[in-house]
N, C-alpha and C. Protein backbone atom coordinates (compact mmCIF):
# COMPACT_ATOMS: atom_id res chain seq x y z
N MET A 1 -10.53 3.83 -19.50
CA MET A 1 -10.84 3.12 -18.49
C MET A 1 -10.99 4.36 -17.51
N LYS A 2 -12.12 3.96 -16.63
CA LYS A 2 -12.39 4.76 -15.43
C LYS A 2 -11.61 4.45 -14.16
N ILE A 3 -10.98 5.24 -13.67
CA ILE A 3 -10.11 5.00 -12.44
C ILE A 3 -10.65 5.83 -11.08
N ASP A 4 -11.03 4.87 -10.13
CA ASP A 4 -11.51 5.51 -9.08
C ASP A 4 -10.91 4.90 -7.85
N VAL A 5 -10.92 5.71 -6.65
CA VAL A 5 -10.31 5.21 -5.29
C VAL A 5 -11.53 5.28 -4.45
N LYS A 6 -11.81 4.51 -3.62
CA LYS A 6 -13.06 4.66 -2.88
C LYS A 6 -12.56 4.18 -1.53
N LEU A 7 -12.90 4.91 -0.44
CA LEU A 7 -12.58 4.63 0.86
C LEU A 7 -13.76 3.63 1.39
N THR A 8 -13.37 2.52 1.91
CA THR A 8 -14.20 1.46 2.35
C THR A 8 -14.42 1.32 3.35
N GLY A 9 -15.80 1.01 3.66
CA GLY A 9 -16.20 0.51 5.07
C GLY A 9 -16.41 -0.84 5.50
N LYS A 10 -16.97 -1.17 6.42
CA LYS A 10 -16.99 -2.35 6.96
C LYS A 10 -17.62 -3.65 5.90
N THR A 11 -18.62 -2.76 5.21
CA THR A 11 -19.33 -3.96 4.12
C THR A 11 -18.78 -4.09 2.92
N GLU A 12 -17.51 -3.43 2.80
CA GLU A 12 -16.84 -3.67 1.54
C GLU A 12 -15.48 -4.24 1.81
N ALA A 13 -15.05 -4.60 3.40
CA ALA A 13 -13.96 -4.98 3.87
C ALA A 13 -13.43 -6.24 3.02
N HIS A 14 -14.51 -7.12 2.68
CA HIS A 14 -14.15 -8.53 2.06
C HIS A 14 -13.59 -8.23 0.83
N ILE A 15 -13.69 -7.16 0.03
CA ILE A 15 -13.15 -6.92 -1.20
C ILE A 15 -11.68 -7.05 -1.07
N ILE A 16 -11.22 -5.85 -0.22
CA ILE A 16 -9.69 -6.02 -0.13
C ILE A 16 -9.19 -7.19 0.76
N LYS A 17 -9.97 -7.64 1.51
CA LYS A 17 -9.36 -8.99 1.96
C LYS A 17 -9.29 -10.03 0.91
N ASN A 18 -10.06 -10.08 0.05
CA ASN A 18 -10.07 -10.89 -1.01
C ASN A 18 -8.91 -10.84 -2.11
N LEU A 19 -8.30 -9.60 -2.07
CA LEU A 19 -7.21 -9.14 -3.00
C LEU A 19 -6.07 -9.35 -2.13
N PHE A 20 -6.03 -9.50 -0.69
CA PHE A 20 -4.77 -9.40 -0.19
C PHE A 20 -3.90 -10.77 -0.37
N PRO A 21 -4.34 -11.72 -0.61
CA PRO A 21 -3.51 -12.81 -0.67
C PRO A 21 -2.74 -12.82 -2.01
N LEU A 22 -3.52 -12.13 -3.03
CA LEU A 22 -2.66 -11.76 -4.38
C LEU A 22 -1.39 -10.88 -4.06
N TYR A 23 -1.70 -9.91 -3.15
CA TYR A 23 -0.80 -8.85 -2.59
C TYR A 23 0.38 -9.73 -2.20
N LEU A 24 0.21 -10.42 -1.15
CA LEU A 24 1.13 -10.95 -0.54
C LEU A 24 1.87 -12.06 -1.62
N PHE A 25 1.21 -12.73 -2.43
CA PHE A 25 1.94 -13.59 -3.52
C PHE A 25 2.92 -12.68 -4.36
N ASP A 26 2.47 -11.51 -4.72
CA ASP A 26 3.32 -10.72 -5.61
C ASP A 26 4.39 -10.17 -4.55
N LEU A 27 4.47 -9.97 -3.55
CA LEU A 27 5.58 -9.73 -2.62
C LEU A 27 6.52 -10.74 -2.29
N SER A 28 6.02 -12.17 -2.59
CA SER A 28 6.91 -13.17 -2.43
C SER A 28 7.93 -13.27 -3.48
N ALA A 29 7.89 -12.62 -4.54
CA ALA A 29 8.68 -12.63 -5.65
C ALA A 29 9.88 -11.52 -5.29
N HIS A 30 9.29 -10.55 -4.58
CA HIS A 30 10.51 -9.72 -3.98
C HIS A 30 11.24 -9.94 -2.82
N TYR A 31 10.60 -10.68 -1.92
CA TYR A 31 11.26 -11.05 -0.82
C TYR A 31 11.73 -12.59 -0.52
N GLY A 32 11.21 -13.38 -1.26
CA GLY A 32 11.48 -14.83 -1.54
C GLY A 32 10.62 -15.43 -0.42
N ASN A 33 9.73 -14.88 -0.05
CA ASN A 33 8.68 -15.51 0.80
C ASN A 33 7.89 -16.81 0.51
N ILE A 34 7.97 -17.67 1.07
CA ILE A 34 7.10 -18.99 0.63
C ILE A 34 5.86 -19.07 1.77
N PRO A 35 4.74 -19.70 1.35
CA PRO A 35 3.55 -19.96 2.32
C PRO A 35 4.02 -20.79 3.72
N ASN A 36 3.47 -20.48 4.59
CA ASN A 36 3.49 -21.30 6.05
C ASN A 36 3.18 -22.89 5.62
N ILE A 37 3.39 -23.50 6.76
CA ILE A 37 2.73 -25.08 6.42
C ILE A 37 1.40 -25.23 6.10
N HIS A 38 0.33 -24.16 6.33
CA HIS A 38 -0.84 -24.34 5.75
C HIS A 38 -1.24 -23.56 4.47
N GLY A 39 -0.24 -23.22 3.85
CA GLY A 39 -0.22 -22.59 2.55
C GLY A 39 -0.73 -21.23 2.54
N ILE A 40 -0.44 -20.44 3.52
CA ILE A 40 -0.97 -18.95 3.90
C ILE A 40 0.20 -18.11 3.89
N TYR A 41 0.37 -17.32 3.09
CA TYR A 41 1.57 -16.21 3.21
C TYR A 41 1.54 -15.37 4.52
N GLU A 42 1.79 -16.06 5.35
CA GLU A 42 2.04 -15.34 6.79
C GLU A 42 3.32 -16.05 7.28
N GLU A 43 4.20 -15.26 8.20
CA GLU A 43 5.32 -15.75 8.95
C GLU A 43 4.81 -17.02 9.78
N SER A 44 3.70 -16.84 10.52
CA SER A 44 3.36 -17.51 11.62
C SER A 44 2.32 -18.73 11.04
N ASP A 45 2.87 -19.82 11.72
CA ASP A 45 1.99 -20.98 11.30
C ASP A 45 0.72 -21.21 12.09
N ASP A 46 0.34 -20.19 12.87
CA ASP A 46 -0.92 -20.07 13.59
C ASP A 46 -1.93 -19.63 12.64
N PHE A 47 -1.78 -19.26 11.29
CA PHE A 47 -2.70 -18.81 10.33
C PHE A 47 -2.86 -20.06 9.69
N GLN A 48 -4.18 -20.74 9.68
CA GLN A 48 -4.32 -22.02 9.21
C GLN A 48 -5.16 -21.61 7.75
N THR A 49 -6.06 -20.82 7.93
CA THR A 49 -6.83 -20.51 6.70
C THR A 49 -6.81 -18.85 6.61
N LEU A 50 -7.60 -18.48 5.33
CA LEU A 50 -7.37 -17.14 4.87
C LEU A 50 -8.43 -16.51 5.86
N ILE A 51 -9.34 -17.03 6.69
CA ILE A 51 -10.14 -16.38 7.45
C ILE A 51 -9.41 -15.97 8.65
N ASP A 52 -8.40 -16.72 9.21
CA ASP A 52 -7.47 -16.24 10.09
C ASP A 52 -6.78 -15.00 9.81
N GLN A 53 -6.23 -14.87 8.32
CA GLN A 53 -5.80 -13.79 7.97
C GLN A 53 -6.72 -12.78 7.91
N TYR A 54 -7.73 -12.82 7.49
CA TYR A 54 -8.82 -11.69 7.43
C TYR A 54 -9.02 -11.07 8.83
N GLU A 55 -8.99 -12.09 10.00
CA GLU A 55 -9.19 -11.34 11.18
C GLU A 55 -8.09 -10.34 11.46
N VAL A 56 -6.91 -10.30 11.23
CA VAL A 56 -5.86 -9.49 11.55
C VAL A 56 -6.10 -8.23 10.71
N GLN A 57 -6.64 -8.38 9.74
CA GLN A 57 -7.15 -7.10 8.92
C GLN A 57 -8.11 -6.40 9.12
N ASN A 58 -8.89 -6.86 10.01
CA ASN A 58 -10.05 -6.02 10.50
C ASN A 58 -9.63 -4.78 11.07
N ILE A 59 -8.51 -4.54 11.78
CA ILE A 59 -7.94 -3.35 12.53
C ILE A 59 -8.50 -1.99 11.28
N TRP A 60 -8.10 -2.38 9.95
CA TRP A 60 -8.34 -1.34 9.15
C TRP A 60 -9.74 -0.71 9.08
N TRP A 61 -10.72 -1.66 9.41
CA TRP A 61 -12.19 -0.93 9.46
C TRP A 61 -12.74 -0.67 10.90
N GLU A 62 -11.78 -0.97 11.93
CA GLU A 62 -12.12 -0.48 13.49
C GLU A 62 -11.80 0.96 13.66
N LYS A 63 -11.03 1.47 13.18
CA LYS A 63 -10.42 3.03 13.47
C LYS A 63 -10.51 3.63 12.14
N PRO A 64 -11.88 4.19 11.89
CA PRO A 64 -12.16 4.79 10.67
C PRO A 64 -11.54 6.40 10.53
N ASP A 65 -11.09 6.94 11.72
CA ASP A 65 -10.58 8.21 11.54
C ASP A 65 -8.95 8.21 11.67
N VAL A 66 -8.38 6.93 11.87
CA VAL A 66 -6.91 6.61 11.99
C VAL A 66 -6.53 6.01 10.60
N LEU A 67 -7.19 5.09 10.43
CA LEU A 67 -6.78 3.97 9.21
C LEU A 67 -7.62 4.23 7.96
N PHE A 68 -7.04 4.17 6.95
CA PHE A 68 -7.93 4.69 5.69
C PHE A 68 -7.68 3.49 4.60
N PRO A 69 -8.62 2.36 4.47
CA PRO A 69 -8.49 1.47 3.53
C PRO A 69 -9.02 1.70 2.26
N TYR A 70 -8.51 2.16 1.10
CA TYR A 70 -9.11 2.72 -0.09
C TYR A 70 -8.98 1.43 -1.05
N LEU A 71 -10.01 1.06 -1.75
CA LEU A 71 -10.36 0.25 -2.79
C LEU A 71 -9.88 1.00 -4.20
N ILE A 72 -8.92 0.39 -5.18
CA ILE A 72 -8.78 0.83 -6.39
C ILE A 72 -9.76 0.29 -7.35
N LEU A 73 -10.61 0.87 -7.93
CA LEU A 73 -11.65 0.27 -8.91
C LEU A 73 -11.24 1.12 -10.36
N VAL A 74 -11.35 0.07 -11.25
CA VAL A 74 -10.89 0.16 -12.80
C VAL A 74 -12.48 -0.16 -13.53
N ASP A 75 -13.26 0.87 -14.04
CA ASP A 75 -14.36 0.49 -14.71
C ASP A 75 -15.22 -0.10 -13.83
N GLU A 76 -15.29 0.33 -12.66
CA GLU A 76 -16.22 -0.06 -11.50
C GLU A 76 -15.77 -1.51 -10.92
N LYS A 77 -14.76 -1.99 -11.16
CA LYS A 77 -14.53 -3.50 -10.71
C LYS A 77 -13.05 -3.38 -9.85
N PRO A 78 -13.13 -4.18 -8.80
CA PRO A 78 -11.73 -4.08 -7.89
C PRO A 78 -10.65 -4.50 -8.67
N ALA A 79 -9.38 -3.68 -8.61
CA ALA A 79 -8.33 -3.70 -9.05
C ALA A 79 -7.03 -3.52 -8.14
N GLY A 80 -7.11 -3.38 -6.95
CA GLY A 80 -6.27 -3.30 -6.01
C GLY A 80 -6.79 -2.22 -4.79
N PHE A 81 -5.75 -2.07 -3.84
CA PHE A 81 -5.92 -1.39 -2.61
C PHE A 81 -4.81 -0.32 -2.46
N ILE A 82 -5.16 0.60 -1.47
CA ILE A 82 -4.20 1.41 -0.80
C ILE A 82 -4.56 1.88 0.67
N LEU A 83 -3.69 1.14 1.50
CA LEU A 83 -3.90 1.44 3.04
C LEU A 83 -3.32 2.54 3.59
N VAL A 84 -3.89 3.47 3.89
CA VAL A 84 -3.03 4.70 4.54
C VAL A 84 -3.42 4.57 6.03
N ALA A 85 -2.09 4.84 6.96
CA ALA A 85 -2.37 4.96 8.29
C ALA A 85 -2.00 6.41 8.52
N THR A 86 -2.44 6.62 9.85
CA THR A 86 -1.99 8.15 10.30
C THR A 86 -1.68 7.75 11.79
N PRO A 87 -1.15 8.69 12.57
CA PRO A 87 -0.62 8.44 14.03
C PRO A 87 -1.62 7.88 14.80
N PRO A 88 -1.52 7.24 15.59
CA PRO A 88 -0.32 6.59 16.08
C PRO A 88 0.50 5.24 15.27
N HIS A 89 0.12 5.23 14.19
CA HIS A 89 0.67 4.18 13.24
C HIS A 89 1.53 4.64 12.09
N CYS A 90 2.06 5.65 12.44
CA CYS A 90 3.05 6.38 11.57
C CYS A 90 4.42 6.53 12.51
N ASN A 91 5.60 6.93 11.91
CA ASN A 91 6.76 7.56 12.45
C ASN A 91 6.68 8.73 13.06
N LYS A 92 7.16 9.54 14.06
CA LYS A 92 7.13 10.70 14.61
C LYS A 92 7.22 11.72 13.25
N GLY A 93 6.64 12.64 13.38
CA GLY A 93 6.62 13.55 12.31
C GLY A 93 6.11 13.59 11.07
N ILE A 94 5.40 12.18 10.84
CA ILE A 94 4.61 11.88 9.57
C ILE A 94 3.27 11.71 9.81
N ASP A 95 2.35 12.58 8.85
CA ASP A 95 1.07 12.46 9.10
C ASP A 95 0.34 11.28 8.51
N TYR A 96 0.95 10.93 7.33
CA TYR A 96 0.13 9.85 6.64
C TYR A 96 1.21 8.90 5.98
N PHE A 97 1.01 7.56 6.20
CA PHE A 97 1.99 6.51 5.75
C PHE A 97 1.12 5.68 4.81
N VAL A 98 1.66 5.27 3.53
CA VAL A 98 1.22 4.52 2.75
C VAL A 98 1.55 2.88 3.19
N ASN A 99 0.69 2.39 3.80
CA ASN A 99 1.16 1.00 4.53
C ASN A 99 1.33 -0.11 3.71
N GLU A 100 0.36 -0.16 2.75
CA GLU A 100 0.23 -1.06 1.63
C GLU A 100 -0.19 -0.48 0.35
N PHE A 101 0.14 -1.02 -0.80
CA PHE A 101 -0.30 -0.47 -2.13
C PHE A 101 -0.23 -1.64 -3.03
N PHE A 102 -1.30 -2.01 -3.76
CA PHE A 102 -1.26 -3.17 -4.59
C PHE A 102 -2.30 -2.98 -5.94
N LEU A 103 -1.59 -3.23 -7.06
CA LEU A 103 -2.53 -3.22 -8.13
C LEU A 103 -2.30 -4.55 -9.00
N LEU A 104 -3.56 -5.15 -9.42
CA LEU A 104 -3.36 -6.37 -10.20
C LEU A 104 -2.37 -6.20 -11.28
N GLN A 105 -1.47 -7.41 -11.59
CA GLN A 105 -0.44 -7.23 -12.42
C GLN A 105 -1.05 -7.12 -13.97
N SER A 106 -2.18 -7.51 -14.26
CA SER A 106 -2.77 -7.34 -15.47
C SER A 106 -3.04 -5.91 -15.81
N LEU A 107 -3.10 -4.94 -14.68
CA LEU A 107 -3.61 -3.70 -15.02
C LEU A 107 -2.18 -2.79 -14.93
N ARG A 108 -0.90 -3.28 -14.37
CA ARG A 108 0.29 -2.40 -14.56
C ARG A 108 0.42 -2.11 -15.75
N GLY A 109 1.44 -0.87 -15.64
CA GLY A 109 2.02 -0.16 -16.97
C GLY A 109 0.89 0.43 -17.83
N HIS A 110 -0.25 0.97 -17.26
CA HIS A 110 -1.34 1.77 -18.04
C HIS A 110 -1.54 3.21 -17.14
N GLY A 111 -0.72 3.43 -16.38
CA GLY A 111 -0.75 4.76 -15.48
C GLY A 111 -1.90 4.74 -14.33
N ILE A 112 -2.64 3.49 -14.20
CA ILE A 112 -3.68 3.50 -13.27
C ILE A 112 -3.08 3.69 -11.78
N ALA A 113 -1.76 2.89 -11.52
CA ALA A 113 -1.36 3.05 -10.21
C ALA A 113 -1.13 4.35 -9.88
N GLU A 114 -0.50 5.25 -10.76
CA GLU A 114 -0.11 6.37 -10.56
C GLU A 114 -1.25 7.26 -10.27
N GLN A 115 -2.39 7.11 -11.00
CA GLN A 115 -3.60 8.06 -10.89
C GLN A 115 -4.21 7.74 -9.68
N ALA A 116 -4.12 6.35 -9.21
CA ALA A 116 -4.89 6.05 -7.93
C ALA A 116 -4.09 6.74 -6.70
N ALA A 117 -2.70 6.49 -6.70
CA ALA A 117 -1.72 7.14 -5.88
C ALA A 117 -2.16 8.60 -5.59
N ASN A 118 -2.17 9.46 -6.70
CA ASN A 118 -2.50 10.78 -6.70
C ASN A 118 -3.71 11.19 -6.20
N LYS A 119 -4.77 10.26 -6.44
CA LYS A 119 -6.06 10.51 -5.93
C LYS A 119 -6.06 10.40 -4.59
N VAL A 120 -5.17 9.42 -4.03
CA VAL A 120 -5.48 9.27 -2.41
C VAL A 120 -4.43 10.20 -1.76
N PHE A 121 -3.49 10.62 -2.43
CA PHE A 121 -2.53 11.84 -1.83
C PHE A 121 -3.28 13.00 -1.85
N GLU A 122 -4.14 13.21 -2.78
CA GLU A 122 -5.06 14.54 -2.81
C GLU A 122 -6.21 14.62 -1.57
N GLN A 123 -6.43 13.42 -0.96
CA GLN A 123 -7.30 13.24 0.11
C GLN A 123 -7.00 13.99 1.19
N PHE A 124 -5.42 14.10 1.51
CA PHE A 124 -5.01 14.51 2.74
C PHE A 124 -3.68 15.40 2.50
N ARG A 125 -3.54 16.33 3.53
CA ARG A 125 -2.45 17.43 3.31
C ARG A 125 -1.36 17.31 4.71
N GLY A 126 -0.36 17.09 4.15
CA GLY A 126 0.75 16.99 5.34
C GLY A 126 1.76 16.29 4.71
N ASN A 127 2.61 15.61 5.76
CA ASN A 127 3.85 14.99 5.78
C ASN A 127 3.53 13.50 5.38
N TRP A 128 3.95 12.90 4.27
CA TRP A 128 3.66 11.78 3.79
C TRP A 128 5.34 10.76 3.99
N GLU A 129 4.93 9.43 4.18
CA GLU A 129 6.01 8.62 4.06
C GLU A 129 5.38 7.36 3.37
N LEU A 130 6.28 6.59 2.64
CA LEU A 130 6.20 5.16 2.15
C LEU A 130 7.51 4.32 2.14
N PHE A 131 7.52 3.12 2.11
CA PHE A 131 8.79 2.40 2.23
C PHE A 131 8.43 1.14 1.05
N THR A 132 9.61 1.03 0.34
CA THR A 132 9.59 -0.23 -0.69
C THR A 132 10.95 -0.82 -0.53
N ASN A 133 10.77 -2.20 -0.88
CA ASN A 133 12.00 -2.90 -0.91
C ASN A 133 13.19 -2.41 -1.69
N PRO A 134 14.47 -2.27 -1.14
CA PRO A 134 15.34 -1.72 -1.75
C PRO A 134 16.40 -2.35 -2.68
N LEU A 135 15.89 -3.98 -2.66
CA LEU A 135 16.79 -4.90 -3.48
C LEU A 135 16.54 -4.76 -5.21
N GLU A 136 17.44 -5.11 -5.84
CA GLU A 136 17.24 -5.12 -7.35
C GLU A 136 15.97 -5.96 -7.80
N LYS A 137 15.56 -7.06 -7.12
CA LYS A 137 14.12 -7.75 -7.39
C LYS A 137 13.07 -6.92 -7.68
N ASN A 138 13.17 -5.62 -6.97
CA ASN A 138 12.12 -4.65 -6.70
C ASN A 138 12.33 -3.42 -7.66
N ILE A 139 13.06 -3.42 -8.81
CA ILE A 139 13.62 -2.32 -9.48
C ILE A 139 12.18 -1.55 -10.09
N VAL A 140 11.27 -2.56 -10.52
CA VAL A 140 10.11 -1.89 -11.00
C VAL A 140 9.52 -1.06 -9.93
N GLY A 141 9.18 -1.55 -8.86
CA GLY A 141 8.33 -0.98 -7.71
C GLY A 141 9.00 0.62 -7.21
N GLN A 142 10.60 0.35 -7.28
CA GLN A 142 11.29 1.60 -7.01
C GLN A 142 11.33 2.73 -8.21
N LYS A 143 11.17 2.38 -9.36
CA LYS A 143 10.98 3.06 -10.34
C LYS A 143 9.70 3.95 -10.34
N PHE A 144 8.74 2.78 -9.99
CA PHE A 144 7.25 3.33 -10.01
C PHE A 144 7.20 4.37 -8.87
N TRP A 145 7.63 4.33 -7.66
CA TRP A 145 7.47 5.22 -6.71
C TRP A 145 8.30 6.53 -6.79
N ARG A 146 9.79 6.31 -7.41
CA ARG A 146 10.47 7.49 -7.69
C ARG A 146 9.74 8.44 -8.93
N LYS A 147 8.86 7.64 -9.86
CA LYS A 147 8.29 8.64 -10.91
C LYS A 147 6.96 9.21 -10.38
N THR A 148 6.18 8.31 -9.75
CA THR A 148 4.92 8.87 -9.07
C THR A 148 5.34 9.93 -8.29
N ILE A 149 5.95 9.88 -7.36
CA ILE A 149 6.18 10.82 -6.50
C ILE A 149 6.76 12.05 -6.93
N SER A 150 7.82 11.97 -7.87
CA SER A 150 8.54 12.86 -8.46
C SER A 150 7.60 13.93 -9.13
N ASN A 151 6.60 13.38 -9.87
CA ASN A 151 5.68 13.68 -10.79
C ASN A 151 4.72 14.68 -9.92
N TYR A 152 4.19 13.89 -8.65
CA TYR A 152 3.03 14.63 -8.07
C TYR A 152 3.80 15.83 -7.34
N THR A 153 5.35 15.67 -6.95
CA THR A 153 5.66 16.97 -6.08
C THR A 153 6.41 17.57 -6.96
N ASN A 154 6.59 17.52 -7.99
CA ASN A 154 7.44 18.28 -9.09
C ASN A 154 8.81 17.96 -8.63
N GLY A 155 9.19 16.97 -8.02
CA GLY A 155 10.68 16.58 -7.59
C GLY A 155 10.88 17.16 -6.24
N ASN A 156 10.13 17.39 -5.56
CA ASN A 156 10.28 18.00 -4.28
C ASN A 156 9.96 16.84 -3.10
N TYR A 157 10.92 16.03 -3.11
CA TYR A 157 10.71 14.98 -2.11
C TYR A 157 12.03 14.51 -1.71
N ILE A 158 11.95 13.81 -0.29
CA ILE A 158 13.28 12.94 -0.05
C ILE A 158 13.37 11.37 -0.22
N GLU A 159 14.25 10.84 -1.05
CA GLU A 159 14.58 9.57 -0.93
C GLU A 159 15.73 9.23 -0.55
N GLU A 160 15.71 8.06 0.46
CA GLU A 160 16.94 7.56 1.16
C GLU A 160 16.72 6.27 1.73
N TYR A 161 17.87 5.53 1.92
CA TYR A 161 17.93 4.04 2.19
C TYR A 161 17.97 4.15 3.92
N GLY A 162 17.25 3.24 4.56
CA GLY A 162 17.43 3.13 5.98
C GLY A 162 16.64 2.08 6.50
N GLU A 163 17.16 2.10 8.07
CA GLU A 163 16.37 1.22 8.95
C GLU A 163 14.87 1.65 9.14
N THR A 164 13.96 0.78 8.98
CA THR A 164 12.62 1.24 9.61
C THR A 164 12.13 -0.11 10.41
N PHE A 165 10.90 0.12 10.87
CA PHE A 165 10.27 -0.97 11.76
C PHE A 165 9.89 -2.37 10.86
N ASP A 166 10.35 -2.26 9.51
CA ASP A 166 10.13 -3.25 8.58
C ASP A 166 11.38 -3.76 8.01
N GLY A 167 12.44 -3.57 8.60
CA GLY A 167 13.87 -3.74 8.10
C GLY A 167 14.44 -2.70 7.17
N TYR A 168 15.37 -2.99 6.63
CA TYR A 168 16.12 -1.88 5.53
C TYR A 168 15.23 -1.82 4.47
N LYS A 169 15.08 -0.45 4.05
CA LYS A 169 13.99 -0.14 2.98
C LYS A 169 14.69 1.18 2.30
N LEU A 170 14.22 1.25 1.17
CA LEU A 170 13.99 2.46 0.36
C LEU A 170 12.94 3.55 1.01
N ILE A 171 13.14 4.67 1.37
CA ILE A 171 12.10 5.40 1.99
C ILE A 171 11.99 6.75 1.22
N PHE A 172 10.88 6.80 0.98
CA PHE A 172 10.11 8.36 0.17
C PHE A 172 9.47 9.00 1.22
N ARG A 173 9.76 10.50 1.23
CA ARG A 173 8.97 11.00 2.25
C ARG A 173 8.83 12.62 1.28
N PHE A 174 7.39 13.11 1.54
CA PHE A 174 7.17 14.40 0.99
C PHE A 174 6.12 14.95 1.59
N ASN A 175 5.79 16.35 1.31
CA ASN A 175 4.96 17.18 2.11
C ASN A 175 4.11 17.80 0.99
N ASN A 176 2.52 17.49 1.10
CA ASN A 176 1.72 18.07 0.02
C ASN A 176 1.07 19.41 0.51
N THR A 177 1.39 19.85 1.68
CA THR A 177 0.69 21.03 2.28
C THR A 177 0.26 22.06 1.25
N GLY A 178 1.13 22.60 0.68
CA GLY A 178 1.04 23.77 0.04
C GLY A 178 0.67 23.39 -1.57
N LYS A 179 0.20 22.16 -1.95
CA LYS A 179 -0.34 21.72 -3.22
C LYS A 179 -1.45 22.24 -3.39
């Protein structure tokens, strides 16, 4: 399998937007979310169609030097995405934040996600942060990030539980400046 990550522009935004409902569906298993009254995985009933949801996501292609929407490709086909934010969309002292990370279920367990994450980490040097669900329902995700970040940093990272802007999370931080 050939694994690539590609920084997307506005002309490819629709690919990530098409994958996004699958990501939100996956998250529903970890958080117990159900769709709103219109069948859209959003908290607000203001979202009536996927087009409404797509509009909110446009910010990822409106700030090209601040927000970095990467598409994961497997054998040149869309397989997932990694959305990376930089200040002011990060906590103080953080240079790069993995805002969203998704790989299709059918491709999990083959090392693709770890390779894709590493390729994105290699794009930027500095202080990184990401959050994941700390609950037992997400033990696979926790193990994935623990293994991936430990392998990437040779065990030189911080892992802690704490409050975030998105609630109580398992937080990972590392610095790849000297890598």
